[in-house]
Each structure stands twice: as structure tokens, then as C-alpha cells.
Amino acid sequence: MSENHTGESLLFLTDEQLRQGIEAVFFAYRGFTAAPDQILEGISYGRAHHRALHFIGRSPGMNVNRLLAILGVTKQSLNRVLRTLIADGLVESRIGKADKRERHLYLTEEGAALESRLSEAQRAQMRAAYRKAGPEAVAGFRQVLEAMMDPELRRLYTALREG
């Protein structure tokens, strides 16, 4: 293994090595979103629809404000996406029991099927990459991703992971 790839040299990364890391993230993200993008294009949806479906499916009953915080988009953007998903029968919005002003979001059967279809290729891709890289690399990758999150995003991520 070259000196540039050893663990010791990672503490002293050059601008070029950092640039290569940034580019790797960019190209990995393109590959990671390619299969869902093809499906979404066929039904006139975008990545915002996919993200909403993913997080609603991940945490059924989450309220709109929590989804807004997770996605980091404007209310107007999220409302546009949710209106479409609700009108198309993929998401159900229920009035809160404790607070009638809250709307809680759930995937319908059709929404769950689409979310599963969108994430199926991504799960397979992650599984294959994790197997190839090995458990230490997976743990390191997760540490790097978590270290890149600002404290508020890390808090949202941790809360989502913990249910």
C-alpha cells in the first residue's frame, strides 16, 4: 500500500487528497442515486419525493415539522412534495390526537411499495460495498460521515436511528 493510503498519513492530508475525497463522495452519490432517479423520472417525481418517502417509511407517524427538520427544505417545498404524494395515494396525512394542528405522515401500501422499489437497489449497492470493504472500513466510513454532520443533524440522525 502506498504511503498516501496508510492510516498514518490520513492525519496529514494534502489539499489534493482532500479534493480526491470530495470527488469520491460526489461520484459515489451519483452512483447511489442513479437507479432511484431512473424510477422517479418514469413517474415524474424527483429526489425530494424519494427522501420524503424514505423518512416517512423509516419513521411512520412522524409529524411534518420533524420531516421538515430532517430534510432541511422550506415549508413551501415540502408542502409541494407532500401534496403530490398525498394526491397520488402514496402518503396519508392524519391529524394529531394530542394536537389537532399537527399532521402525522404514513406511507400507504402503494407508498411503501414504491419506497421499497426505490431503496432496493441502494440497499444492494450498500451491502455489496460494505462486504467488499469489510467491517473495519464500514465502521470508519460511518465515523467519517457522522463527523461531517453538524451537531443538530447528528442529533436528528441519532434520534432516527434510535427510533
N, C-alpha and C. Protein backbone atom coordinates (compact mmCIF):
# COMPACT_ATOMS: atom_id res chain seq x y z
N MET A 1 0.85 -1.17 0.00
CA MET A 1 0.00 0.00 0.00
C MET A 1 0.90 1.24 0.00
N SER A 2 0.55 2.23 -0.80
CA SER A 2 1.39 3.43 -0.88
C SER A 2 1.26 4.25 0.39
N GLU A 3 2.22 5.14 0.57
CA GLU A 3 2.23 5.99 1.77
C GLU A 3 0.96 6.83 1.86
N ASN A 4 0.41 7.26 0.71
CA ASN A 4 -0.78 8.09 0.71
C ASN A 4 -2.02 7.36 1.21
N HIS A 5 -1.99 6.05 1.29
CA HIS A 5 -3.16 5.29 1.68
C HIS A 5 -3.04 4.65 3.06
N THR A 6 -1.96 4.88 3.74
CA THR A 6 -1.82 4.28 5.07
C THR A 6 -2.56 5.12 6.09
N GLY A 7 -2.94 4.50 7.20
CA GLY A 7 -3.66 5.19 8.25
C GLY A 7 -2.87 6.36 8.81
N GLU A 8 -1.53 6.22 8.90
CA GLU A 8 -0.71 7.28 9.47
C GLU A 8 -0.78 8.56 8.66
N SER A 9 -0.81 8.44 7.34
CA SER A 9 -0.80 9.64 6.50
C SER A 9 -2.16 10.32 6.48
N LEU A 10 -3.21 9.65 6.94
CA LEU A 10 -4.54 10.25 6.91
C LEU A 10 -4.66 11.45 7.85
N LEU A 11 -3.79 11.53 8.83
CA LEU A 11 -3.83 12.66 9.74
C LEU A 11 -3.23 13.91 9.12
N PHE A 12 -2.52 13.77 8.03
CA PHE A 12 -1.82 14.88 7.39
C PHE A 12 -2.18 14.94 5.91
N LEU A 13 -3.47 15.06 5.62
CA LEU A 13 -3.93 15.05 4.24
C LEU A 13 -3.59 16.35 3.53
N THR A 14 -3.17 16.21 2.29
CA THR A 14 -2.89 17.38 1.46
C THR A 14 -4.21 17.88 0.87
N ASP A 15 -4.18 19.08 0.33
CA ASP A 15 -5.36 19.61 -0.34
C ASP A 15 -5.79 18.70 -1.49
N GLU A 16 -4.82 18.13 -2.20
CA GLU A 16 -5.15 17.24 -3.31
C GLU A 16 -5.84 15.97 -2.80
N GLN A 17 -5.38 15.41 -1.69
CA GLN A 17 -6.02 14.22 -1.14
C GLN A 17 -7.44 14.55 -0.67
N LEU A 18 -7.63 15.72 -0.09
CA LEU A 18 -8.97 16.14 0.32
C LEU A 18 -9.87 16.33 -0.89
N ARG A 19 -9.34 16.92 -1.94
CA ARG A 19 -10.09 17.11 -3.18
C ARG A 19 -10.51 15.76 -3.76
N GLN A 20 -9.61 14.79 -3.70
CA GLN A 20 -9.95 13.45 -4.19
C GLN A 20 -11.06 12.82 -3.36
N GLY A 21 -11.05 13.06 -2.06
CA GLY A 21 -12.12 12.57 -1.19
C GLY A 21 -13.46 13.20 -1.52
N ILE A 22 -13.44 14.50 -1.77
CA ILE A 22 -14.65 15.22 -2.15
C ILE A 22 -15.20 14.66 -3.46
N GLU A 23 -14.31 14.43 -4.41
CA GLU A 23 -14.73 13.88 -5.70
C GLU A 23 -15.27 12.46 -5.55
N ALA A 24 -14.66 11.68 -4.68
CA ALA A 24 -15.14 10.32 -4.44
C ALA A 24 -16.56 10.35 -3.88
N VAL A 25 -16.83 11.27 -2.95
CA VAL A 25 -18.18 11.40 -2.39
C VAL A 25 -19.15 11.79 -3.50
N PHE A 26 -18.76 12.73 -4.35
CA PHE A 26 -19.63 13.17 -5.45
C PHE A 26 -19.98 12.00 -6.37
N PHE A 27 -18.96 11.27 -6.82
CA PHE A 27 -19.22 10.17 -7.76
C PHE A 27 -19.96 9.01 -7.09
N ALA A 28 -19.67 8.75 -5.83
CA ALA A 28 -20.40 7.70 -5.12
C ALA A 28 -21.87 8.08 -5.00
N TYR A 29 -22.14 9.35 -4.71
CA TYR A 29 -23.53 9.80 -4.59
C TYR A 29 -24.26 9.68 -5.93
N ARG A 30 -23.58 10.02 -7.01
CA ARG A 30 -24.20 9.85 -8.34
C ARG A 30 -24.56 8.40 -8.58
N GLY A 31 -23.65 7.50 -8.25
CA GLY A 31 -23.93 6.08 -8.42
C GLY A 31 -25.03 5.60 -7.50
N PHE A 32 -25.04 6.12 -6.29
CA PHE A 32 -26.02 5.73 -5.28
C PHE A 32 -27.44 6.16 -5.65
N THR A 33 -27.57 7.28 -6.36
CA THR A 33 -28.89 7.80 -6.71
C THR A 33 -29.33 7.43 -8.13
N ALA A 34 -28.48 6.79 -8.91
CA ALA A 34 -28.79 6.52 -10.31
C ALA A 34 -30.03 5.65 -10.49
N ALA A 35 -30.10 4.52 -9.82
CA ALA A 35 -31.25 3.61 -10.00
C ALA A 35 -32.56 4.26 -9.54
N PRO A 36 -32.60 4.86 -8.34
CA PRO A 36 -33.85 5.53 -7.95
C PRO A 36 -34.22 6.68 -8.90
N ASP A 37 -33.22 7.42 -9.39
CA ASP A 37 -33.51 8.52 -10.31
C ASP A 37 -34.22 8.02 -11.57
N GLN A 38 -33.83 6.87 -12.07
CA GLN A 38 -34.48 6.31 -13.26
C GLN A 38 -35.94 5.99 -12.98
N ILE A 39 -36.20 5.39 -11.83
CA ILE A 39 -37.58 5.07 -11.46
C ILE A 39 -38.38 6.35 -11.29
N LEU A 40 -37.81 7.33 -10.59
CA LEU A 40 -38.50 8.60 -10.33
C LEU A 40 -38.81 9.34 -11.62
N GLU A 41 -37.89 9.31 -12.55
CA GLU A 41 -38.08 10.01 -13.82
C GLU A 41 -39.29 9.45 -14.55
N GLY A 42 -39.48 8.14 -14.45
CA GLY A 42 -40.61 7.49 -15.13
C GLY A 42 -41.96 7.86 -14.55
N ILE A 43 -41.99 8.38 -13.33
CA ILE A 43 -43.26 8.75 -12.71
C ILE A 43 -43.32 10.24 -12.37
N SER A 44 -42.42 11.01 -12.97
CA SER A 44 -42.38 12.47 -12.81
C SER A 44 -42.20 12.94 -11.37
N TYR A 45 -41.38 12.22 -10.61
CA TYR A 45 -41.01 12.61 -9.26
C TYR A 45 -39.52 12.91 -9.25
N GLY A 46 -39.08 13.57 -8.19
CA GLY A 46 -37.67 13.89 -8.04
C GLY A 46 -37.12 13.32 -6.75
N ARG A 47 -35.88 13.68 -6.46
CA ARG A 47 -35.21 13.18 -5.25
C ARG A 47 -35.91 13.63 -3.97
N ALA A 48 -36.54 14.78 -3.99
CA ALA A 48 -37.25 15.25 -2.80
C ALA A 48 -38.39 14.29 -2.46
N HIS A 49 -39.06 13.76 -3.48
CA HIS A 49 -40.12 12.78 -3.25
C HIS A 49 -39.54 11.51 -2.64
N HIS A 50 -38.39 11.08 -3.17
CA HIS A 50 -37.74 9.88 -2.65
C HIS A 50 -37.34 10.07 -1.19
N ARG A 51 -36.74 11.20 -0.88
CA ARG A 51 -36.32 11.45 0.50
C ARG A 51 -37.51 11.45 1.46
N ALA A 52 -38.59 12.11 1.03
CA ALA A 52 -39.79 12.15 1.87
C ALA A 52 -40.33 10.74 2.09
N LEU A 53 -40.44 9.96 1.04
CA LEU A 53 -40.92 8.58 1.17
C LEU A 53 -40.01 7.78 2.09
N HIS A 54 -38.71 7.95 1.93
CA HIS A 54 -37.76 7.19 2.76
C HIS A 54 -37.98 7.48 4.24
N PHE A 55 -37.98 8.76 4.60
CA PHE A 55 -38.04 9.10 6.02
C PHE A 55 -39.42 8.87 6.62
N ILE A 56 -40.47 9.04 5.84
CA ILE A 56 -41.81 8.71 6.35
C ILE A 56 -41.90 7.20 6.58
N GLY A 57 -41.35 6.43 5.66
CA GLY A 57 -41.34 4.97 5.82
C GLY A 57 -40.47 4.53 6.98
N ARG A 58 -39.40 5.25 7.22
CA ARG A 58 -38.46 4.92 8.30
C ARG A 58 -39.05 5.21 9.66
N SER A 59 -39.91 6.23 9.71
CA SER A 59 -40.48 6.65 10.99
C SER A 59 -41.97 6.97 10.82
N PRO A 60 -42.80 5.93 10.64
CA PRO A 60 -44.23 6.17 10.40
C PRO A 60 -44.85 7.00 11.52
N GLY A 61 -45.67 7.95 11.13
CA GLY A 61 -46.34 8.80 12.09
C GLY A 61 -45.57 10.05 12.45
N MET A 62 -44.40 10.23 11.83
CA MET A 62 -43.65 11.46 12.13
C MET A 62 -44.48 12.66 11.70
N ASN A 63 -44.30 13.75 12.43
CA ASN A 63 -45.07 14.93 12.06
C ASN A 63 -44.31 15.73 10.99
N VAL A 64 -45.03 16.61 10.37
CA VAL A 64 -44.48 17.39 9.26
C VAL A 64 -43.27 18.22 9.71
N ASN A 65 -43.32 18.79 10.90
CA ASN A 65 -42.19 19.60 11.37
C ASN A 65 -40.92 18.78 11.52
N ARG A 66 -41.03 17.56 11.98
CA ARG A 66 -39.83 16.71 12.11
C ARG A 66 -39.27 16.38 10.72
N LEU A 67 -40.16 16.06 9.78
CA LEU A 67 -39.71 15.78 8.41
C LEU A 67 -39.05 17.02 7.82
N LEU A 68 -39.60 18.17 8.10
CA LEU A 68 -39.03 19.43 7.64
C LEU A 68 -37.62 19.61 8.18
N ALA A 69 -37.42 19.31 9.45
CA ALA A 69 -36.09 19.43 10.07
C ALA A 69 -35.11 18.44 9.47
N ILE A 70 -35.55 17.23 9.23
CA ILE A 70 -34.68 16.19 8.67
C ILE A 70 -34.25 16.56 7.25
N LEU A 71 -35.21 16.98 6.43
CA LEU A 71 -34.91 17.25 5.02
C LEU A 71 -34.21 18.59 4.81
N GLY A 72 -34.42 19.53 5.72
CA GLY A 72 -33.77 20.83 5.58
C GLY A 72 -34.24 21.62 4.38
N VAL A 73 -35.52 21.52 4.07
CA VAL A 73 -36.09 22.27 2.95
C VAL A 73 -37.08 23.28 3.51
N THR A 74 -37.57 24.14 2.65
CA THR A 74 -38.56 25.13 3.09
C THR A 74 -39.92 24.45 3.23
N LYS A 75 -40.78 25.08 4.02
CA LYS A 75 -42.15 24.56 4.17
C LYS A 75 -42.85 24.48 2.83
N GLN A 76 -42.62 25.50 2.01
CA GLN A 76 -43.25 25.56 0.70
C GLN A 76 -42.82 24.36 -0.16
N SER A 77 -41.53 24.07 -0.17
CA SER A 77 -41.03 22.93 -0.95
C SER A 77 -41.60 21.62 -0.44
N LEU A 78 -41.58 21.44 0.88
CA LEU A 78 -42.09 20.19 1.44
C LEU A 78 -43.59 20.06 1.19
N ASN A 79 -44.33 21.14 1.34
CA ASN A 79 -45.77 21.07 1.09
C ASN A 79 -46.08 20.69 -0.35
N ARG A 80 -45.28 21.19 -1.28
CA ARG A 80 -45.47 20.84 -2.69
C ARG A 80 -45.27 19.33 -2.89
N VAL A 81 -44.21 18.80 -2.29
CA VAL A 81 -43.91 17.37 -2.41
C VAL A 81 -45.01 16.55 -1.73
N LEU A 82 -45.37 16.93 -0.50
CA LEU A 82 -46.39 16.17 0.24
C LEU A 82 -47.75 16.21 -0.46
N ARG A 83 -48.12 17.36 -1.00
CA ARG A 83 -49.41 17.45 -1.72
C ARG A 83 -49.46 16.44 -2.84
N THR A 84 -48.36 16.33 -3.59
CA THR A 84 -48.29 15.39 -4.70
C THR A 84 -48.38 13.95 -4.21
N LEU A 85 -47.60 13.64 -3.19
CA LEU A 85 -47.58 12.27 -2.67
C LEU A 85 -48.93 11.87 -2.07
N ILE A 86 -49.59 12.81 -1.42
CA ILE A 86 -50.91 12.54 -0.83
C ILE A 86 -51.95 12.39 -1.95
N ALA A 87 -51.93 13.30 -2.92
CA ALA A 87 -52.89 13.25 -4.03
C ALA A 87 -52.73 11.96 -4.84
N ASP A 88 -51.50 11.47 -4.94
CA ASP A 88 -51.24 10.25 -5.71
C ASP A 88 -51.45 8.98 -4.88
N GLY A 89 -51.88 9.14 -3.64
CA GLY A 89 -52.22 7.99 -2.81
C GLY A 89 -51.03 7.25 -2.24
N LEU A 90 -49.89 7.93 -2.12
CA LEU A 90 -48.68 7.28 -1.60
C LEU A 90 -48.43 7.59 -0.13
N VAL A 91 -48.94 8.72 0.32
CA VAL A 91 -48.77 9.16 1.71
C VAL A 91 -50.13 9.54 2.26
N GLU A 92 -50.33 9.21 3.52
CA GLU A 92 -51.56 9.58 4.22
C GLU A 92 -51.18 10.56 5.32
N SER A 93 -51.94 11.64 5.44
CA SER A 93 -51.73 12.65 6.47
C SER A 93 -52.88 12.55 7.46
N ARG A 94 -52.53 12.31 8.74
CA ARG A 94 -53.55 12.18 9.77
C ARG A 94 -53.38 13.32 10.77
N ILE A 95 -54.50 13.82 11.26
CA ILE A 95 -54.49 14.88 12.26
C ILE A 95 -54.02 14.29 13.58
N GLY A 96 -53.18 15.05 14.28
CA GLY A 96 -52.63 14.60 15.56
C GLY A 96 -53.72 14.40 16.60
N LYS A 97 -53.53 13.39 17.45
CA LYS A 97 -54.50 13.12 18.52
C LYS A 97 -54.32 14.10 19.67
N ALA A 98 -53.10 14.38 20.04
CA ALA A 98 -52.82 15.29 21.15
C ALA A 98 -52.93 16.75 20.71
N ASP A 99 -52.49 17.04 19.50
CA ASP A 99 -52.51 18.40 18.99
C ASP A 99 -53.14 18.37 17.60
N LYS A 100 -54.33 18.88 17.48
CA LYS A 100 -55.09 18.84 16.22
C LYS A 100 -54.41 19.64 15.10
N ARG A 101 -53.46 20.50 15.47
CA ARG A 101 -52.76 21.28 14.43
C ARG A 101 -51.68 20.47 13.74
N GLU A 102 -51.23 19.40 14.39
CA GLU A 102 -50.17 18.57 13.81
C GLU A 102 -50.73 17.61 12.77
N ARG A 103 -49.89 17.37 11.76
CA ARG A 103 -50.21 16.35 10.77
C ARG A 103 -49.15 15.27 10.87
N HIS A 104 -49.60 14.03 10.99
CA HIS A 104 -48.69 12.89 11.09
C HIS A 104 -48.76 12.12 9.77
N LEU A 105 -47.59 11.69 9.31
CA LEU A 105 -47.46 11.13 7.97
C LEU A 105 -47.20 9.63 8.00
N TYR A 106 -47.87 8.93 7.10
CA TYR A 106 -47.74 7.48 6.98
C TYR A 106 -47.71 7.13 5.49
N LEU A 107 -46.93 6.11 5.15
CA LEU A 107 -46.98 5.59 3.79
C LEU A 107 -48.21 4.72 3.64
N THR A 108 -48.85 4.82 2.49
CA THR A 108 -49.92 3.88 2.17
C THR A 108 -49.25 2.59 1.67
N GLU A 109 -50.03 1.61 1.38
CA GLU A 109 -49.48 0.36 0.84
C GLU A 109 -48.72 0.64 -0.47
N GLU A 110 -49.30 1.50 -1.31
CA GLU A 110 -48.66 1.85 -2.58
C GLU A 110 -47.38 2.65 -2.34
N GLY A 111 -47.41 3.54 -1.34
CA GLY A 111 -46.23 4.32 -0.99
C GLY A 111 -45.11 3.45 -0.47
N ALA A 112 -45.46 2.48 0.36
CA ALA A 112 -44.45 1.56 0.90
C ALA A 112 -43.84 0.72 -0.23
N ALA A 113 -44.66 0.33 -1.18
CA ALA A 113 -44.15 -0.46 -2.32
C ALA A 113 -43.18 0.37 -3.16
N LEU A 114 -43.53 1.64 -3.41
CA LEU A 114 -42.63 2.50 -4.19
C LEU A 114 -41.35 2.77 -3.42
N GLU A 115 -41.45 3.06 -2.13
CA GLU A 115 -40.26 3.31 -1.33
C GLU A 115 -39.34 2.10 -1.35
N SER A 116 -39.90 0.92 -1.22
CA SER A 116 -39.11 -0.31 -1.25
C SER A 116 -38.42 -0.48 -2.60
N ARG A 117 -39.15 -0.21 -3.66
CA ARG A 117 -38.58 -0.32 -5.01
C ARG A 117 -37.43 0.67 -5.20
N LEU A 118 -37.61 1.89 -4.69
CA LEU A 118 -36.57 2.92 -4.82
C LEU A 118 -35.32 2.58 -4.03
N SER A 119 -35.50 2.02 -2.85
CA SER A 119 -34.34 1.76 -1.99
C SER A 119 -33.72 0.38 -2.20
N GLU A 120 -34.40 -0.49 -2.92
CA GLU A 120 -33.89 -1.85 -3.13
C GLU A 120 -32.49 -1.86 -3.75
N ALA A 121 -32.32 -1.10 -4.81
CA ALA A 121 -31.02 -1.06 -5.48
C ALA A 121 -29.97 -0.42 -4.58
N GLN A 122 -30.37 0.58 -3.80
CA GLN A 122 -29.43 1.23 -2.90
C GLN A 122 -28.99 0.29 -1.78
N ARG A 123 -29.92 -0.48 -1.25
CA ARG A 123 -29.55 -1.44 -0.21
C ARG A 123 -28.59 -2.49 -0.77
N ALA A 124 -28.85 -2.97 -1.96
CA ALA A 124 -27.96 -3.95 -2.58
C ALA A 124 -26.58 -3.36 -2.82
N GLN A 125 -26.54 -2.12 -3.25
CA GLN A 125 -25.27 -1.45 -3.51
C GLN A 125 -24.49 -1.25 -2.21
N MET A 126 -25.17 -0.80 -1.16
CA MET A 126 -24.51 -0.62 0.14
C MET A 126 -24.03 -1.95 0.69
N ARG A 127 -24.86 -2.97 0.59
CA ARG A 127 -24.49 -4.30 1.09
C ARG A 127 -23.22 -4.79 0.40
N ALA A 128 -23.18 -4.68 -0.92
CA ALA A 128 -22.02 -5.13 -1.68
C ALA A 128 -20.76 -4.34 -1.32
N ALA A 129 -20.91 -3.04 -1.21
CA ALA A 129 -19.75 -2.19 -0.86
C ALA A 129 -19.26 -2.50 0.55
N TYR A 130 -20.17 -2.67 1.49
CA TYR A 130 -19.80 -2.99 2.87
C TYR A 130 -19.08 -4.33 2.92
N ARG A 131 -19.59 -5.32 2.21
CA ARG A 131 -18.95 -6.63 2.20
C ARG A 131 -17.54 -6.55 1.62
N LYS A 132 -17.41 -5.80 0.55
CA LYS A 132 -16.11 -5.66 -0.10
C LYS A 132 -15.11 -4.93 0.79
N ALA A 133 -15.57 -3.89 1.48
CA ALA A 133 -14.68 -3.07 2.30
C ALA A 133 -14.34 -3.72 3.63
N GLY A 134 -15.26 -4.48 4.19
CA GLY A 134 -15.02 -5.14 5.47
C GLY A 134 -15.51 -4.33 6.65
N PRO A 135 -15.66 -4.98 7.80
CA PRO A 135 -16.28 -4.34 8.96
C PRO A 135 -15.51 -3.12 9.50
N GLU A 136 -14.19 -3.16 9.49
CA GLU A 136 -13.43 -2.01 9.99
C GLU A 136 -13.64 -0.79 9.11
N ALA A 137 -13.64 -1.01 7.80
CA ALA A 137 -13.86 0.10 6.87
C ALA A 137 -15.28 0.66 7.01
N VAL A 138 -16.24 -0.24 7.22
CA VAL A 138 -17.63 0.21 7.39
C VAL A 138 -17.73 1.09 8.64
N ALA A 139 -17.13 0.65 9.73
CA ALA A 139 -17.16 1.44 10.96
C ALA A 139 -16.47 2.78 10.75
N GLY A 140 -15.34 2.78 10.06
CA GLY A 140 -14.62 4.02 9.78
C GLY A 140 -15.41 4.95 8.88
N PHE A 141 -16.06 4.39 7.88
CA PHE A 141 -16.89 5.16 6.96
C PHE A 141 -18.02 5.85 7.74
N ARG A 142 -18.67 5.11 8.61
CA ARG A 142 -19.75 5.67 9.41
C ARG A 142 -19.21 6.78 10.32
N GLN A 143 -18.03 6.58 10.88
CA GLN A 143 -17.44 7.62 11.74
C GLN A 143 -17.16 8.89 10.95
N VAL A 144 -16.64 8.73 9.74
CA VAL A 144 -16.36 9.90 8.89
C VAL A 144 -17.66 10.63 8.57
N LEU A 145 -18.70 9.89 8.18
CA LEU A 145 -19.97 10.53 7.85
C LEU A 145 -20.54 11.27 9.06
N GLU A 146 -20.51 10.62 10.22
CA GLU A 146 -21.04 11.27 11.42
C GLU A 146 -20.21 12.50 11.80
N ALA A 147 -18.92 12.45 11.60
CA ALA A 147 -18.06 13.59 11.91
C ALA A 147 -18.32 14.77 10.97
N MET A 148 -18.83 14.50 9.80
CA MET A 148 -19.14 15.55 8.83
C MET A 148 -20.47 16.25 9.16
N MET A 149 -21.29 15.65 10.01
CA MET A 149 -22.59 16.23 10.34
C MET A 149 -22.41 17.32 11.40
N ASP A 150 -23.15 18.41 11.22
CA ASP A 150 -23.13 19.40 12.30
C ASP A 150 -23.92 18.83 13.47
N PRO A 151 -23.76 19.40 14.66
CA PRO A 151 -24.39 18.81 15.86
C PRO A 151 -25.90 18.60 15.75
N GLU A 152 -26.62 19.53 15.15
CA GLU A 152 -28.07 19.38 15.04
C GLU A 152 -28.44 18.23 14.11
N LEU A 153 -27.74 18.11 12.99
CA LEU A 153 -28.01 16.99 12.07
C LEU A 153 -27.64 15.66 12.71
N ARG A 154 -26.56 15.64 13.46
CA ARG A 154 -26.16 14.41 14.15
C ARG A 154 -27.22 14.01 15.17
N ARG A 155 -27.80 15.01 15.84
CA ARG A 155 -28.87 14.75 16.80
C ARG A 155 -30.09 14.14 16.10
N LEU A 156 -30.49 14.70 14.96
CA LEU A 156 -31.62 14.16 14.19
C LEU A 156 -31.32 12.74 13.71
N TYR A 157 -30.10 12.54 13.22
CA TYR A 157 -29.67 11.22 12.74
C TYR A 157 -29.70 10.19 13.86
N THR A 158 -29.17 10.56 15.01
CA THR A 158 -29.13 9.64 16.16
C THR A 158 -30.55 9.32 16.62
N ALA A 159 -31.40 10.32 16.69
CA ALA A 159 -32.78 10.11 17.12
C ALA A 159 -33.50 9.18 16.16
N LEU A 160 -33.26 9.34 14.88
CA LEU A 160 -33.89 8.48 13.88
C LEU A 160 -33.40 7.05 14.02
N ARG A 161 -32.09 6.88 14.21
CA ARG A 161 -31.52 5.53 14.38
C ARG A 161 -32.06 4.84 15.61
N GLU A 162 -32.27 5.61 16.67
CA GLU A 162 -32.73 5.03 17.93
C GLU A 162 -34.24 4.84 17.98
N GLY A 163 -34.93 5.33 16.95
CA GLY A 163 -36.37 5.15 16.91
C GLY A 163 -37.05 6.19 17.69
